[in-house]
Amino acid sequence: MTAGHKITIEQGTDHVRVVRDGQVVAESRRPLLLRETGYPVRYYLPPEDVRTDLLTPSDTTTYCPFKGTASYWSLPGAENGTDGKDGKDAVWGYPEPKDAVAQIKDHFCFYEVEAA
């Protein structure tokens, strides 16, 4: 890691839901909470708690020097755009994360979640 940059991952128990157009896309009580310097906490959900049948794989990938290469999916009814608010590329995961964040392997992260 770069000086001053930190990532921590912990097992959470928050109830996390992702709803798109009234349809529950994901719901979990066992999210991984990833905290990274300069970013809001992100909830990584296990694949068993995500309706992957509702997600559309994207050709988009991005690279993070701390986590690795991310793959993306779009939510149902996604329109053109890449900011995550319209549903396109609003879900991402790390199929082969770097060793320091290996716990998030194959988990899904969403731009918009409800957490309680």
PDB file of N, CA and C in Angstrom:
ATOM      1  N   MET A   1       0.841  -1.187   0.000  1.00  0.00           N
ATOM      2  CA  MET A   1       0.000   0.000   0.000  1.00  0.00           C
ATOM      3  C   MET A   1       0.881   1.244   0.000  1.00  0.00           C
ATOM      4  N   THR A   2       0.335   2.293  -0.531  1.00  0.00           N
ATOM      5  CA  THR A   2       1.021   3.575  -0.541  1.00  0.00           C
ATOM      6  C   THR A   2       0.917   4.197   0.835  1.00  0.00           C
ATOM      7  N   ALA A   3       1.917   4.963   1.214  1.00  0.00           N
ATOM      8  CA  ALA A   3       1.887   5.636   2.515  1.00  0.00           C
ATOM      9  C   ALA A   3       0.598   6.436   2.651  1.00  0.00           C
ATOM     10  N   GLY A   4      -0.090   6.270   3.766  1.00  0.00           N
ATOM     11  CA  GLY A   4      -1.325   6.988   4.014  1.00  0.00           C
ATOM     12  C   GLY A   4      -2.564   6.322   3.439  1.00  0.00           C
ATOM     13  N   HIS A   5      -2.403   5.300   2.626  1.00  0.00           N
ATOM     14  CA  HIS A   5      -3.552   4.594   2.050  1.00  0.00           C
ATOM     15  C   HIS A   5      -3.799   3.322   2.845  1.00  0.00           C
ATOM     16  N   LYS A   6      -5.059   3.108   3.201  1.00  0.00           N
ATOM     17  CA  LYS A   6      -5.385   1.945   4.017  1.00  0.00           C
ATOM     18  C   LYS A   6      -6.695   1.329   3.555  1.00  0.00           C
ATOM     19  N   ILE A   7      -6.741   0.005   3.545  1.00  0.00           N
ATOM     20  CA  ILE A   7      -7.969  -0.736   3.276  1.00  0.00           C
ATOM     21  C   ILE A   7      -8.151  -1.720   4.420  1.00  0.00           C
ATOM     22  N   THR A   8      -9.350  -1.731   4.983  1.00  0.00           N
ATOM     23  CA  THR A   8      -9.699  -2.744   5.983  1.00  0.00           C
ATOM     24  C   THR A   8     -10.983  -3.424   5.532  1.00  0.00           C
ATOM     25  N   ILE A   9     -11.093  -4.697   5.853  1.00  0.00           N
ATOM     26  CA  ILE A   9     -12.284  -5.476   5.531  1.00  0.00           C
ATOM     27  C   ILE A   9     -12.714  -6.187   6.803  1.00  0.00           C
ATOM     28  N   GLU A  10     -13.994  -6.086   7.111  1.00  0.00           N
ATOM     29  CA  GLU A  10     -14.519  -6.788   8.279  1.00  0.00           C
ATOM     30  C   GLU A  10     -15.857  -7.413   7.936  1.00  0.00           C
ATOM     31  N   GLN A  11     -16.162  -8.500   8.635  1.00  0.00           N
ATOM     32  CA  GLN A  11     -17.456  -9.150   8.452  1.00  0.00           C
ATOM     33  C   GLN A  11     -18.529  -8.295   9.108  1.00  0.00           C
ATOM     34  N   GLY A  12     -19.543  -7.949   8.365  1.00  0.00           N
ATOM     35  CA  GLY A  12     -20.619  -7.137   8.905  1.00  0.00           C
ATOM     36  C   GLY A  12     -21.851  -7.969   9.200  1.00  0.00           C
ATOM     37  N   THR A  13     -22.776  -7.373   9.935  1.00  0.00           N
ATOM     38  CA  THR A  13     -24.056  -8.010  10.238  1.00  0.00           C
ATOM     39  C   THR A  13     -25.215  -7.095   9.859  1.00  0.00           C
ATOM     40  N   ASP A  14     -24.900  -5.937   9.243  1.00  0.00           N
ATOM     41  CA  ASP A  14     -25.947  -5.017   8.810  1.00  0.00           C
ATOM     42  C   ASP A  14     -26.867  -5.710   7.810  1.00  0.00           C
ATOM     43  N   HIS A  15     -28.129  -5.297   7.819  1.00  0.00           N
ATOM     44  CA  HIS A  15     -29.074  -5.775   6.816  1.00  0.00           C
ATOM     45  C   HIS A  15     -28.931  -4.860   5.600  1.00  0.00           C
ATOM     46  N   VAL A  16     -28.474  -5.410   4.497  1.00  0.00           N
ATOM     47  CA  VAL A  16     -28.215  -4.639   3.289  1.00  0.00           C
ATOM     48  C   VAL A  16     -29.160  -5.119   2.193  1.00  0.00           C
ATOM     49  N   ARG A  17     -29.815  -4.152   1.543  1.00  0.00           N
ATOM     50  CA  ARG A  17     -30.731  -4.467   0.434  1.00  0.00           C
ATOM     51  C   ARG A  17     -30.423  -3.574  -0.759  1.00  0.00           C
ATOM     52  N   VAL A  18     -30.606  -4.157  -1.925  1.00  0.00           N
ATOM     53  CA  VAL A  18     -30.518  -3.392  -3.164  1.00  0.00           C
ATOM     54  C   VAL A  18     -31.839  -3.607  -3.891  1.00  0.00           C
ATOM     55  N   VAL A  19     -32.532  -2.495  -4.139  1.00  0.00           N
ATOM     56  CA  VAL A  19     -33.823  -2.556  -4.805  1.00  0.00           C
ATOM     57  C   VAL A  19     -33.744  -1.729  -6.082  1.00  0.00           C
ATOM     58  N   ARG A  20     -34.234  -2.303  -7.159  1.00  0.00           N
ATOM     59  CA  ARG A  20     -34.236  -1.607  -8.454  1.00  0.00           C
ATOM     60  C   ARG A  20     -35.639  -1.686  -9.031  1.00  0.00           C
ATOM     61  N   ASP A  21     -36.281  -0.542  -9.207  1.00  0.00           N
ATOM     62  CA  ASP A  21     -37.637  -0.487  -9.745  1.00  0.00           C
ATOM     63  C   ASP A  21     -38.590  -1.403  -8.978  1.00  0.00           C
ATOM     64  N   GLY A  22     -38.481  -1.383  -7.649  1.00  0.00           N
ATOM     65  CA  GLY A  22     -39.371  -2.162  -6.788  1.00  0.00           C
ATOM     66  C   GLY A  22     -39.003  -3.627  -6.643  1.00  0.00           C
ATOM     67  N   GLN A  23     -37.965  -4.062  -7.299  1.00  0.00           N
ATOM     68  CA  GLN A  23     -37.551  -5.469  -7.270  1.00  0.00           C
ATOM     69  C   GLN A  23     -36.273  -5.615  -6.444  1.00  0.00           C
ATOM     70  N   VAL A  24     -36.274  -6.562  -5.502  1.00  0.00           N
ATOM     71  CA  VAL A  24     -35.082  -6.808  -4.690  1.00  0.00           C
ATOM     72  C   VAL A  24     -34.056  -7.536  -5.549  1.00  0.00           C
ATOM     73  N   VAL A  25     -32.895  -6.899  -5.719  1.00  0.00           N
ATOM     74  CA  VAL A  25     -31.820  -7.464  -6.528  1.00  0.00           C
ATOM     75  C   VAL A  25     -30.821  -8.200  -5.631  1.00  0.00           C
ATOM     76  N   ALA A  26     -30.664  -7.695  -4.401  1.00  0.00           N
ATOM     77  CA  ALA A  26     -29.753  -8.335  -3.443  1.00  0.00           C
ATOM     78  C   ALA A  26     -30.247  -8.046  -2.030  1.00  0.00           C
ATOM     79  N   GLU A  27     -30.012  -9.002  -1.144  1.00  0.00           N
ATOM     80  CA  GLU A  27     -30.360  -8.813   0.261  1.00  0.00           C
ATOM     81  C   GLU A  27     -29.447  -9.717   1.086  1.00  0.00           C
ATOM     82  N   SER A  28     -28.812  -9.117   2.084  1.00  0.00           N
ATOM     83  CA  SER A  28     -27.832  -9.870   2.859  1.00  0.00           C
ATOM     84  C   SER A  28     -27.752  -9.351   4.289  1.00  0.00           C
ATOM     85  N   ARG A  29     -27.443 -10.255   5.194  1.00  0.00           N
ATOM     86  CA  ARG A  29     -27.119  -9.905   6.577  1.00  0.00           C
ATOM     87  C   ARG A  29     -25.682 -10.300   6.896  1.00  0.00           C
ATOM     88  N   ARG A  30     -24.918 -10.547   5.837  1.00  0.00           N
ATOM     89  CA  ARG A  30     -23.520 -10.953   6.013  1.00  0.00           C
ATOM     90  C   ARG A  30     -22.596 -10.270   5.012  1.00  0.00           C
ATOM     91  N   PRO A  31     -22.742  -8.943   4.902  1.00  0.00           N
ATOM     92  CA  PRO A  31     -21.867  -8.232   3.967  1.00  0.00           C
ATOM     93  C   PRO A  31     -20.450  -8.126   4.513  1.00  0.00           C
ATOM     94  N   LEU A  32     -19.508  -8.002   3.610  1.00  0.00           N
ATOM     95  CA  LEU A  32     -18.164  -7.606   3.994  1.00  0.00           C
ATOM     96  C   LEU A  32     -18.104  -6.095   3.884  1.00  0.00           C
ATOM     97  N   LEU A  33     -17.635  -5.427   4.911  1.00  0.00           N
ATOM     98  CA  LEU A  33     -17.511  -3.972   4.900  1.00  0.00           C
ATOM     99  C   LEU A  33     -16.076  -3.616   4.541  1.00  0.00           C
ATOM    100  N   LEU A  34     -15.914  -2.935   3.421  1.00  0.00           N
ATOM    101  CA  LEU A  34     -14.588  -2.526   2.981  1.00  0.00           C
ATOM    102  C   LEU A  34     -14.476  -1.020   3.190  1.00  0.00           C
ATOM    103  N   ARG A  35     -13.492  -0.658   3.978  1.00  0.00           N
ATOM    104  CA  ARG A  35     -13.195   0.755   4.210  1.00  0.00           C
ATOM    105  C   ARG A  35     -11.859   1.060   3.547  1.00  0.00           C
ATOM    106  N   GLU A  36     -11.871   2.106   2.714  1.00  0.00           N
ATOM    107  CA  GLU A  36     -10.671   2.486   1.980  1.00  0.00           C
ATOM    108  C   GLU A  36     -10.478   3.990   2.101  1.00  0.00           C
ATOM    109  N   THR A  37      -9.264   4.378   2.351  1.00  0.00           N
ATOM    110  CA  THR A  37      -8.928   5.798   2.487  1.00  0.00           C
ATOM    111  C   THR A  37      -9.513   6.596   1.329  1.00  0.00           C
ATOM    112  N   GLY A  38     -10.270   7.642   1.665  1.00  0.00           N
ATOM    113  CA  GLY A  38     -10.800   8.544   0.660  1.00  0.00           C
ATOM    114  C   GLY A  38     -12.117   8.125   0.031  1.00  0.00           C
ATOM    115  N   TYR A  39     -12.690   6.978   0.461  1.00  0.00           N
ATOM    116  CA  TYR A  39     -13.926   6.477  -0.125  1.00  0.00           C
ATOM    117  C   TYR A  39     -14.930   6.140   0.965  1.00  0.00           C
ATOM    118  N   PRO A  40     -16.225   6.171   0.629  1.00  0.00           N
ATOM    119  CA  PRO A  40     -17.222   5.736   1.615  1.00  0.00           C
ATOM    120  C   PRO A  40     -17.119   4.224   1.828  1.00  0.00           C
ATOM    121  N   VAL A  41     -17.626   3.747   2.954  1.00  0.00           N
ATOM    122  CA  VAL A  41     -17.636   2.306   3.204  1.00  0.00           C
ATOM    123  C   VAL A  41     -18.429   1.635   2.080  1.00  0.00           C
ATOM    124  N   ARG A  42     -17.935   0.505   1.634  1.00  0.00           N
ATOM    125  CA  ARG A  42     -18.602  -0.269   0.588  1.00  0.00           C
ATOM    126  C   ARG A  42     -18.975  -1.635   1.142  1.00  0.00           C
ATOM    127  N   TYR A  43     -20.160  -2.092   0.757  1.00  0.00           N
ATOM    128  CA  TYR A  43     -20.657  -3.396   1.179  1.00  0.00           C
ATOM    129  C   TYR A  43     -20.459  -4.385   0.047  1.00  0.00           C
ATOM    130  N   TYR A  44     -19.674  -5.415   0.297  1.00  0.00           N
ATOM    131  CA  TYR A  44     -19.462  -6.485  -0.671  1.00  0.00           C
ATOM    132  C   TYR A  44     -20.320  -7.668  -0.242  1.00  0.00           C
ATOM    133  N   LEU A  45     -21.246  -8.065  -1.125  1.00  0.00           N
ATOM    134  CA  LEU A  45     -22.226  -9.093  -0.787  1.00  0.00           C
ATOM    135  C   LEU A  45     -21.860 -10.434  -1.400  1.00  0.00           C
ATOM    136  N   PRO A  46     -22.054 -11.511  -0.632  1.00  0.00           N
ATOM    137  CA  PRO A  46     -21.748 -12.841  -1.176  1.00  0.00           C
ATOM    138  C   PRO A  46     -22.687 -13.169  -2.340  1.00  0.00           C
ATOM    139  N   PRO A  47     -22.207 -13.932  -3.302  1.00  0.00           N
ATOM    140  CA  PRO A  47     -23.010 -14.220  -4.497  1.00  0.00           C
ATOM    141  C   PRO A  47     -24.335 -14.918  -4.176  1.00  0.00           C
ATOM    142  N   GLU A  48     -24.382 -15.667  -3.106  1.00  0.00           N
ATOM    143  CA  GLU A  48     -25.615 -16.372  -2.731  1.00  0.00           C
ATOM    144  C   GLU A  48     -26.730 -15.400  -2.350  1.00  0.00           C
ATOM    145  N   ASP A  49     -26.375 -14.168  -2.026  1.00  0.00           N
ATOM    146  CA  ASP A  49     -27.352 -13.168  -1.591  1.00  0.00           C
ATOM    147  C   ASP A  49     -27.700 -12.165  -2.694  1.00  0.00           C
ATOM    148  N   VAL A  50     -27.258 -12.450  -3.909  1.00  0.00           N
ATOM    149  CA  VAL A  50     -27.470 -11.543  -5.043  1.00  0.00           C
ATOM    150  C   VAL A  50     -28.237 -12.286  -6.129  1.00  0.00           C
ATOM    151  N   ARG A  51     -29.251 -11.640  -6.670  1.00  0.00           N
ATOM    152  CA  ARG A  51     -30.000 -12.212  -7.800  1.00  0.00           C
ATOM    153  C   ARG A  51     -29.180 -12.007  -9.067  1.00  0.00           C
ATOM    154  N   THR A  52     -28.168 -12.834  -9.235  1.00  0.00           N
ATOM    155  CA  THR A  52     -27.273 -12.679 -10.382  1.00  0.00           C
ATOM    156  C   THR A  52     -28.015 -12.873 -11.710  1.00  0.00           C
ATOM    157  N   ASP A  53     -29.153 -13.556 -11.667  1.00  0.00           N
ATOM    158  CA  ASP A  53     -29.949 -13.741 -12.889  1.00  0.00           C
ATOM    159  C   ASP A  53     -30.519 -12.418 -13.393  1.00  0.00           C
ATOM    160  N   LEU A  54     -30.542 -11.394 -12.529  1.00  0.00           N
ATOM    161  CA  LEU A  54     -31.058 -10.085 -12.929  1.00  0.00           C
ATOM    162  C   LEU A  54     -29.957  -9.144 -13.426  1.00  0.00           C
ATOM    163  N   LEU A  55     -28.703  -9.541 -13.260  1.00  0.00           N
ATOM    164  CA  LEU A  55     -27.577  -8.694 -13.649  1.00  0.00           C
ATOM    165  C   LEU A  55     -27.116  -9.033 -15.058  1.00  0.00           C
ATOM    166  N   THR A  56     -26.717  -8.005 -15.783  1.00  0.00           N
ATOM    167  CA  THR A  56     -26.193  -8.196 -17.128  1.00  0.00           C
ATOM    168  C   THR A  56     -24.698  -7.914 -17.120  1.00  0.00           C
ATOM    169  N   PRO A  57     -23.872  -8.911 -17.480  1.00  0.00           N
ATOM    170  CA  PRO A  57     -22.422  -8.677 -17.517  1.00  0.00           C
ATOM    171  C   PRO A  57     -22.074  -7.562 -18.492  1.00  0.00           C
ATOM    172  N   SER A  58     -21.071  -6.792 -18.136  1.00  0.00           N
ATOM    173  CA  SER A  58     -20.600  -5.678 -18.951  1.00  0.00           C
ATOM    174  C   SER A  58     -19.195  -5.987 -19.460  1.00  0.00           C
ATOM    175  N   ASP A  59     -18.811  -5.314 -20.512  1.00  0.00           N
ATOM    176  CA  ASP A  59     -17.435  -5.429 -21.004  1.00  0.00           C
ATOM    177  C   ASP A  59     -16.489  -4.515 -20.231  1.00  0.00           C
ATOM    178  N   THR A  60     -17.043  -3.668 -19.369  1.00  0.00           N
ATOM    179  CA  THR A  60     -16.245  -2.698 -18.637  1.00  0.00           C
ATOM    180  C   THR A  60     -15.363  -3.383 -17.593  1.00  0.00           C
ATOM    181  N   THR A  61     -14.118  -2.954 -17.519  1.00  0.00           N
ATOM    182  CA  THR A  61     -13.218  -3.350 -16.430  1.00  0.00           C
ATOM    183  C   THR A  61     -12.452  -2.101 -16.004  1.00  0.00           C
ATOM    184  N   THR A  62     -12.050  -2.091 -14.745  1.00  0.00           N
ATOM    185  CA  THR A  62     -11.185  -1.026 -14.246  1.00  0.00           C
ATOM    186  C   THR A  62     -10.097  -1.678 -13.408  1.00  0.00           C
ATOM    187  N   TYR A  63      -9.023  -0.941 -13.224  1.00  0.00           N
ATOM    188  CA  TYR A  63      -7.919  -1.474 -12.437  1.00  0.00           C
ATOM    189  C   TYR A  63      -7.654  -0.587 -11.226  1.00  0.00           C
ATOM    190  N   CYS A  64      -7.574  -1.204 -10.066  1.00  0.00           N
ATOM    191  CA  CYS A  64      -7.200  -0.525  -8.832  1.00  0.00           C
ATOM    192  C   CYS A  64      -5.861  -1.110  -8.388  1.00  0.00           C
ATOM    193  N   PRO A  65      -4.871  -0.283  -8.124  1.00  0.00           N
ATOM    194  CA  PRO A  65      -3.569  -0.818  -7.720  1.00  0.00           C
ATOM    195  C   PRO A  65      -3.603  -1.523  -6.364  1.00  0.00           C
ATOM    196  N   PHE A  66      -4.681  -1.339  -5.607  1.00  0.00           N
ATOM    197  CA  PHE A  66      -4.776  -1.941  -4.280  1.00  0.00           C
ATOM    198  C   PHE A  66      -5.667  -3.180  -4.252  1.00  0.00           C
ATOM    199  N   LYS A  67      -6.649  -3.230  -5.175  1.00  0.00           N
ATOM    200  CA  LYS A  67      -7.591  -4.351  -5.170  1.00  0.00           C
ATOM    201  C   LYS A  67      -7.469  -5.256  -6.391  1.00  0.00           C
ATOM    202  N   GLY A  68      -7.024  -4.724  -7.515  1.00  0.00           N
ATOM    203  CA  GLY A  68      -6.900  -5.523  -8.723  1.00  0.00           C
ATOM    204  C   GLY A  68      -7.857  -5.062  -9.803  1.00  0.00           C
ATOM    205  N   THR A  69      -8.204  -5.971 -10.715  1.00  0.00           N
ATOM    206  CA  THR A  69      -9.074  -5.658 -11.843  1.00  0.00           C
ATOM    207  C   THR A  69     -10.517  -5.984 -11.485  1.00  0.00           C
ATOM    208  N   ALA A  70     -11.380  -4.985 -11.644  1.00  0.00           N
ATOM    209  CA  ALA A  70     -12.806  -5.149 -11.352  1.00  0.00           C
ATOM    210  C   ALA A  70     -13.571  -5.464 -12.629  1.00  0.00           C
ATOM    211  N   SER A  71     -14.551  -6.346 -12.495  1.00  0.00           N
ATOM    212  CA  SER A  71     -15.521  -6.624 -13.551  1.00  0.00           C
ATOM    213  C   SER A  71     -16.821  -5.937 -13.160  1.00  0.00           C
ATOM    214  N   TYR A  72     -17.649  -5.622 -14.160  1.00  0.00           N
ATOM    215  CA  TYR A  72     -18.887  -4.873 -13.912  1.00  0.00           C
ATOM    216  C   TYR A  72     -20.105  -5.581 -14.477  1.00  0.00           C
ATOM    217  N   TRP A  73     -21.265  -5.265 -13.869  1.00  0.00           N
ATOM    218  CA  TRP A  73     -22.565  -5.741 -14.305  1.00  0.00           C
ATOM    219  C   TRP A  73     -23.527  -4.561 -14.269  1.00  0.00           C
ATOM    220  N   SER A  74     -24.581  -4.658 -15.060  1.00  0.00           N
ATOM    221  CA  SER A  74     -25.618  -3.624 -15.065  1.00  0.00           C
ATOM    222  C   SER A  74     -26.888  -4.172 -14.433  1.00  0.00           C
ATOM    223  N   LEU A  75     -27.657  -3.257 -13.852  1.00  0.00           N
ATOM    224  CA  LEU A  75     -28.919  -3.603 -13.202  1.00  0.00           C
ATOM    225  C   LEU A  75     -30.035  -3.694 -14.231  1.00  0.00           C
ATOM    226  N   PRO A  76     -31.139  -4.340 -13.871  1.00  0.00           N
ATOM    227  CA  PRO A  76     -32.267  -4.417 -14.813  1.00  0.00           C
ATOM    228  C   PRO A  76     -32.719  -3.028 -15.254  1.00  0.00           C
ATOM    229  N   GLY A  77     -33.022  -2.883 -16.529  1.00  0.00           N
ATOM    230  CA  GLY A  77     -33.518  -1.630 -17.070  1.00  0.00           C
ATOM    231  C   GLY A  77     -32.467  -0.548 -17.211  1.00  0.00           C
ATOM    232  N   ALA A  78     -31.202  -0.920 -17.168  1.00  0.00           N
ATOM    233  CA  ALA A  78     -30.122   0.081 -17.248  1.00  0.00           C
ATOM    234  C   ALA A  78     -30.159   0.808 -18.582  1.00  0.00           C
ATOM    235  N   GLU A  79     -29.899   2.104 -18.505  1.00  0.00           N
ATOM    236  CA  GLU A  79     -29.798   2.930 -19.702  1.00  0.00           C
ATOM    237  C   GLU A  79     -28.328   3.226 -19.956  1.00  0.00           C
ATOM    238  N   ASN A  80     -28.038   3.950 -20.985  1.00  0.00           N
ATOM    239  CA  ASN A  80     -26.655   4.314 -21.278  1.00  0.00           C
ATOM    240  C   ASN A  80     -26.105   5.226 -20.195  1.00  0.00           C
ATOM    241  N   GLY A  81     -24.839   5.077 -19.876  1.00  0.00           N
ATOM    242  CA  GLY A  81     -24.184   5.893 -18.868  1.00  0.00           C
ATOM    243  C   GLY A  81     -23.263   5.025 -18.035  1.00  0.00           C
ATOM    244  N   THR A  82     -22.396   5.645 -17.249  1.00  0.00           N
ATOM    245  CA  THR A  82     -21.457   4.861 -16.452  1.00  0.00           C
ATOM    246  C   THR A  82     -21.313   5.392 -15.037  1.00  0.00           C
ATOM    247  N   ASP A  83     -22.255   6.212 -14.574  1.00  0.00           N
ATOM    248  CA  ASP A  83     -22.106   6.764 -13.230  1.00  0.00           C
ATOM    249  C   ASP A  83     -22.724   5.882 -12.160  1.00  0.00           C
ATOM    250  N   GLY A  84     -23.364   4.770 -12.547  1.00  0.00           N
ATOM    251  CA  GLY A  84     -23.955   3.860 -11.581  1.00  0.00           C
ATOM    252  C   GLY A  84     -25.371   4.229 -11.195  1.00  0.00           C
ATOM    253  N   LYS A  85     -25.798   5.468 -11.412  1.00  0.00           N
ATOM    254  CA  LYS A  85     -27.127   5.887 -10.984  1.00  0.00           C
ATOM    255  C   LYS A  85     -28.220   5.407 -11.935  1.00  0.00           C
ATOM    256  N   ASP A  86     -27.876   5.181 -13.185  1.00  0.00           N
ATOM    257  CA  ASP A  86     -28.877   4.721 -14.145  1.00  0.00           C
ATOM    258  C   ASP A  86     -28.890   3.202 -14.261  1.00  0.00           C
ATOM    259  N   GLY A  87     -28.045   2.542 -13.516  1.00  0.00           N
ATOM    260  CA  GLY A  87     -28.019   1.083 -13.527  1.00  0.00           C
ATOM    261  C   GLY A  87     -26.928   0.457 -14.368  1.00  0.00           C
ATOM    262  N   LYS A  88     -26.370   1.215 -15.325  1.00  0.00           N
ATOM    263  CA  LYS A  88     -25.296   0.660 -16.159  1.00  0.00           C
ATOM    264  C   LYS A  88     -24.000   0.625 -15.358  1.00  0.00           C
ATOM    265  N   ASP A  89     -23.366  -0.534 -15.338  1.00  0.00           N
ATOM    266  CA  ASP A  89     -22.102  -0.715 -14.615  1.00  0.00           C
ATOM    267  C   ASP A  89     -22.231  -0.296 -13.145  1.00  0.00           C
ATOM    268  N   ALA A  90     -23.392  -0.528 -12.555  1.00  0.00           N
ATOM    269  CA  ALA A  90     -23.664  -0.125 -11.178  1.00  0.00           C
ATOM    270  C   ALA A  90     -23.247  -1.179 -10.163  1.00  0.00           C
ATOM    271  N   VAL A  91     -22.764  -2.308 -10.645  1.00  0.00           N
ATOM    272  CA  VAL A  91     -22.359  -3.420  -9.787  1.00  0.00           C
ATOM    273  C   VAL A  91     -20.963  -3.839 -10.219  1.00  0.00           C
ATOM    274  N   TRP A  92     -20.108  -4.111  -9.247  1.00  0.00           N
ATOM    275  CA  TRP A  92     -18.768  -4.564  -9.605  1.00  0.00           C
ATOM    276  C   TRP A  92     -18.276  -5.606  -8.608  1.00  0.00           C
ATOM    277  N   GLY A  93     -17.237  -6.290  -9.022  1.00  0.00           N
ATOM    278  CA  GLY A  93     -16.615  -7.290  -8.172  1.00  0.00           C
ATOM    279  C   GLY A  93     -15.210  -7.570  -8.667  1.00  0.00           C
ATOM    280  N   TYR A  94     -14.490  -8.295  -7.838  1.00  0.00           N
ATOM    281  CA  TYR A  94     -13.099  -8.632  -8.140  1.00  0.00           C
ATOM    282  C   TYR A  94     -12.963 -10.148  -8.201  1.00  0.00           C
ATOM    283  N   PRO A  95     -13.037 -10.737  -9.403  1.00  0.00           N
ATOM    284  CA  PRO A  95     -12.903 -12.189  -9.528  1.00  0.00           C
ATOM    285  C   PRO A  95     -11.539 -12.708  -9.073  1.00  0.00           C
ATOM    286  N   GLU A  96     -10.502 -11.897  -9.237  1.00  0.00           N
ATOM    287  CA  GLU A  96      -9.140 -12.276  -8.836  1.00  0.00           C
ATOM    288  C   GLU A  96      -8.502 -11.100  -8.099  1.00  0.00           C
ATOM    289  N   PRO A  97      -8.951 -10.818  -6.881  1.00  0.00           N
ATOM    290  CA  PRO A  97      -8.414  -9.655  -6.166  1.00  0.00           C
ATOM    291  C   PRO A  97      -6.971  -9.866  -5.718  1.00  0.00           C
ATOM    292  N   LYS A  98      -6.330  -8.779  -5.397  1.00  0.00           N
ATOM    293  CA  LYS A  98      -4.978  -8.867  -4.838  1.00  0.00           C
ATOM    294  C   LYS A  98      -5.044  -9.563  -3.477  1.00  0.00           C
ATOM    295  N   ASP A  99      -3.928 -10.163  -3.083  1.00  0.00           N
ATOM    296  CA  ASP A  99      -3.884 -10.955  -1.846  1.00  0.00           C
ATOM    297  C   ASP A  99      -4.343 -10.186  -0.614  1.00  0.00           C
ATOM    298  N   ALA A 100      -4.040  -8.904  -0.549  1.00  0.00           N
ATOM    299  CA  ALA A 100      -4.380  -8.107   0.637  1.00  0.00           C
ATOM    300  C   ALA A 100      -5.888  -7.962   0.843  1.00  0.00           C
ATOM    301  N   VAL A 101      -6.672  -8.188  -0.222  1.00  0.00           N
ATOM    302  CA  VAL A 101      -8.130  -8.069  -0.124  1.00  0.00           C
ATOM    303  C   VAL A 101      -8.817  -9.337  -0.633  1.00  0.00           C
ATOM    304  N   ALA A 102      -8.182 -10.470  -0.447  1.00  0.00           N
ATOM    305  CA  ALA A 102      -8.675 -11.743  -0.977  1.00  0.00           C
ATOM    306  C   ALA A 102     -10.094 -12.082  -0.518  1.00  0.00           C
ATOM    307  N   GLN A 103     -10.519 -11.554   0.618  1.00  0.00           N
ATOM    308  CA  GLN A 103     -11.853 -11.870   1.146  1.00  0.00           C
ATOM    309  C   GLN A 103     -12.974 -11.437   0.209  1.00  0.00           C
ATOM    310  N   ILE A 104     -12.747 -10.407  -0.621  1.00  0.00           N
ATOM    311  CA  ILE A 104     -13.819  -9.903  -1.478  1.00  0.00           C
ATOM    312  C   ILE A 104     -13.964 -10.687  -2.780  1.00  0.00           C
ATOM    313  N   LYS A 105     -13.167 -11.706  -2.969  1.00  0.00           N
ATOM    314  CA  LYS A 105     -13.233 -12.515  -4.198  1.00  0.00           C
ATOM    315  C   LYS A 105     -14.672 -12.965  -4.456  1.00  0.00           C
ATOM    316  N   ASP A 106     -15.146 -12.699  -5.668  1.00  0.00           N
ATOM    317  CA  ASP A 106     -16.463 -13.122  -6.148  1.00  0.00           C
ATOM    318  C   ASP A 106     -17.644 -12.490  -5.417  1.00  0.00           C
ATOM    319  N   HIS A 107     -17.405 -11.511  -4.557  1.00  0.00           N
ATOM    320  CA  HIS A 107     -18.498 -10.778  -3.928  1.00  0.00           C
ATOM    321  C   HIS A 107     -18.919  -9.638  -4.861  1.00  0.00           C
ATOM    322  N   PHE A 108     -20.140  -9.139  -4.658  1.00  0.00           N
ATOM    323  CA  PHE A 108     -20.681  -8.070  -5.484  1.00  0.00           C
ATOM    324  C   PHE A 108     -20.824  -6.798  -4.659  1.00  0.00           C
ATOM    325  N   CYS A 109     -20.485  -5.679  -5.267  1.00  0.00           N
ATOM    326  CA  CYS A 109     -20.620  -4.376  -4.636  1.00  0.00           C
ATOM    327  C   CYS A 109     -21.518  -3.512  -5.523  1.00  0.00           C
ATOM    328  N   PHE A 110     -22.391  -2.737  -4.884  1.00  0.00           N
ATOM    329  CA  PHE A 110     -23.374  -1.912  -5.585  1.00  0.00           C
ATOM    330  C   PHE A 110     -23.150  -0.446  -5.235  1.00  0.00           C
ATOM    331  N   TYR A 111     -23.359   0.435  -6.224  1.00  0.00           N
ATOM    332  CA  TYR A 111     -23.262   1.864  -5.941  1.00  0.00           C
ATOM    333  C   TYR A 111     -24.301   2.301  -4.920  1.00  0.00           C
ATOM    334  N   GLU A 112     -25.525   1.798  -5.057  1.00  0.00           N
ATOM    335  CA  GLU A 112     -26.632   2.239  -4.204  1.00  0.00           C
ATOM    336  C   GLU A 112     -27.141   1.066  -3.383  1.00  0.00           C
ATOM    337  N   VAL A 113     -27.059   1.186  -2.051  1.00  0.00           N
ATOM    338  CA  VAL A 113     -27.583   0.156  -1.149  1.00  0.00           C
ATOM    339  C   VAL A 113     -28.374   0.811  -0.032  1.00  0.00           C
ATOM    340  N   GLU A 114     -29.275   0.013   0.571  1.00  0.00           N
ATOM    341  CA  GLU A 114     -29.956   0.405   1.798  1.00  0.00           C
ATOM    342  C   GLU A 114     -29.344  -0.434   2.895  1.00  0.00           C
ATOM    343  N   ALA A 115     -28.807   0.212   3.924  1.00  0.00           N
ATOM    344  CA  ALA A 115     -28.193  -0.538   5.020  1.00  0.00           C
ATOM    345  C   ALA A 115     -28.860  -0.126   6.333  1.00  0.00           C
ATOM    346  N   ALA A 116     -29.146  -1.132   7.149  1.00  0.00           N
ATOM    347  CA  ALA A 116     -29.760  -0.864   8.463  1.00  0.00           C
ATOM    348  C   ALA A 116     -29.086  -1.699   9.532  1.00  0.00           C
TER     349      ALA A 116
END
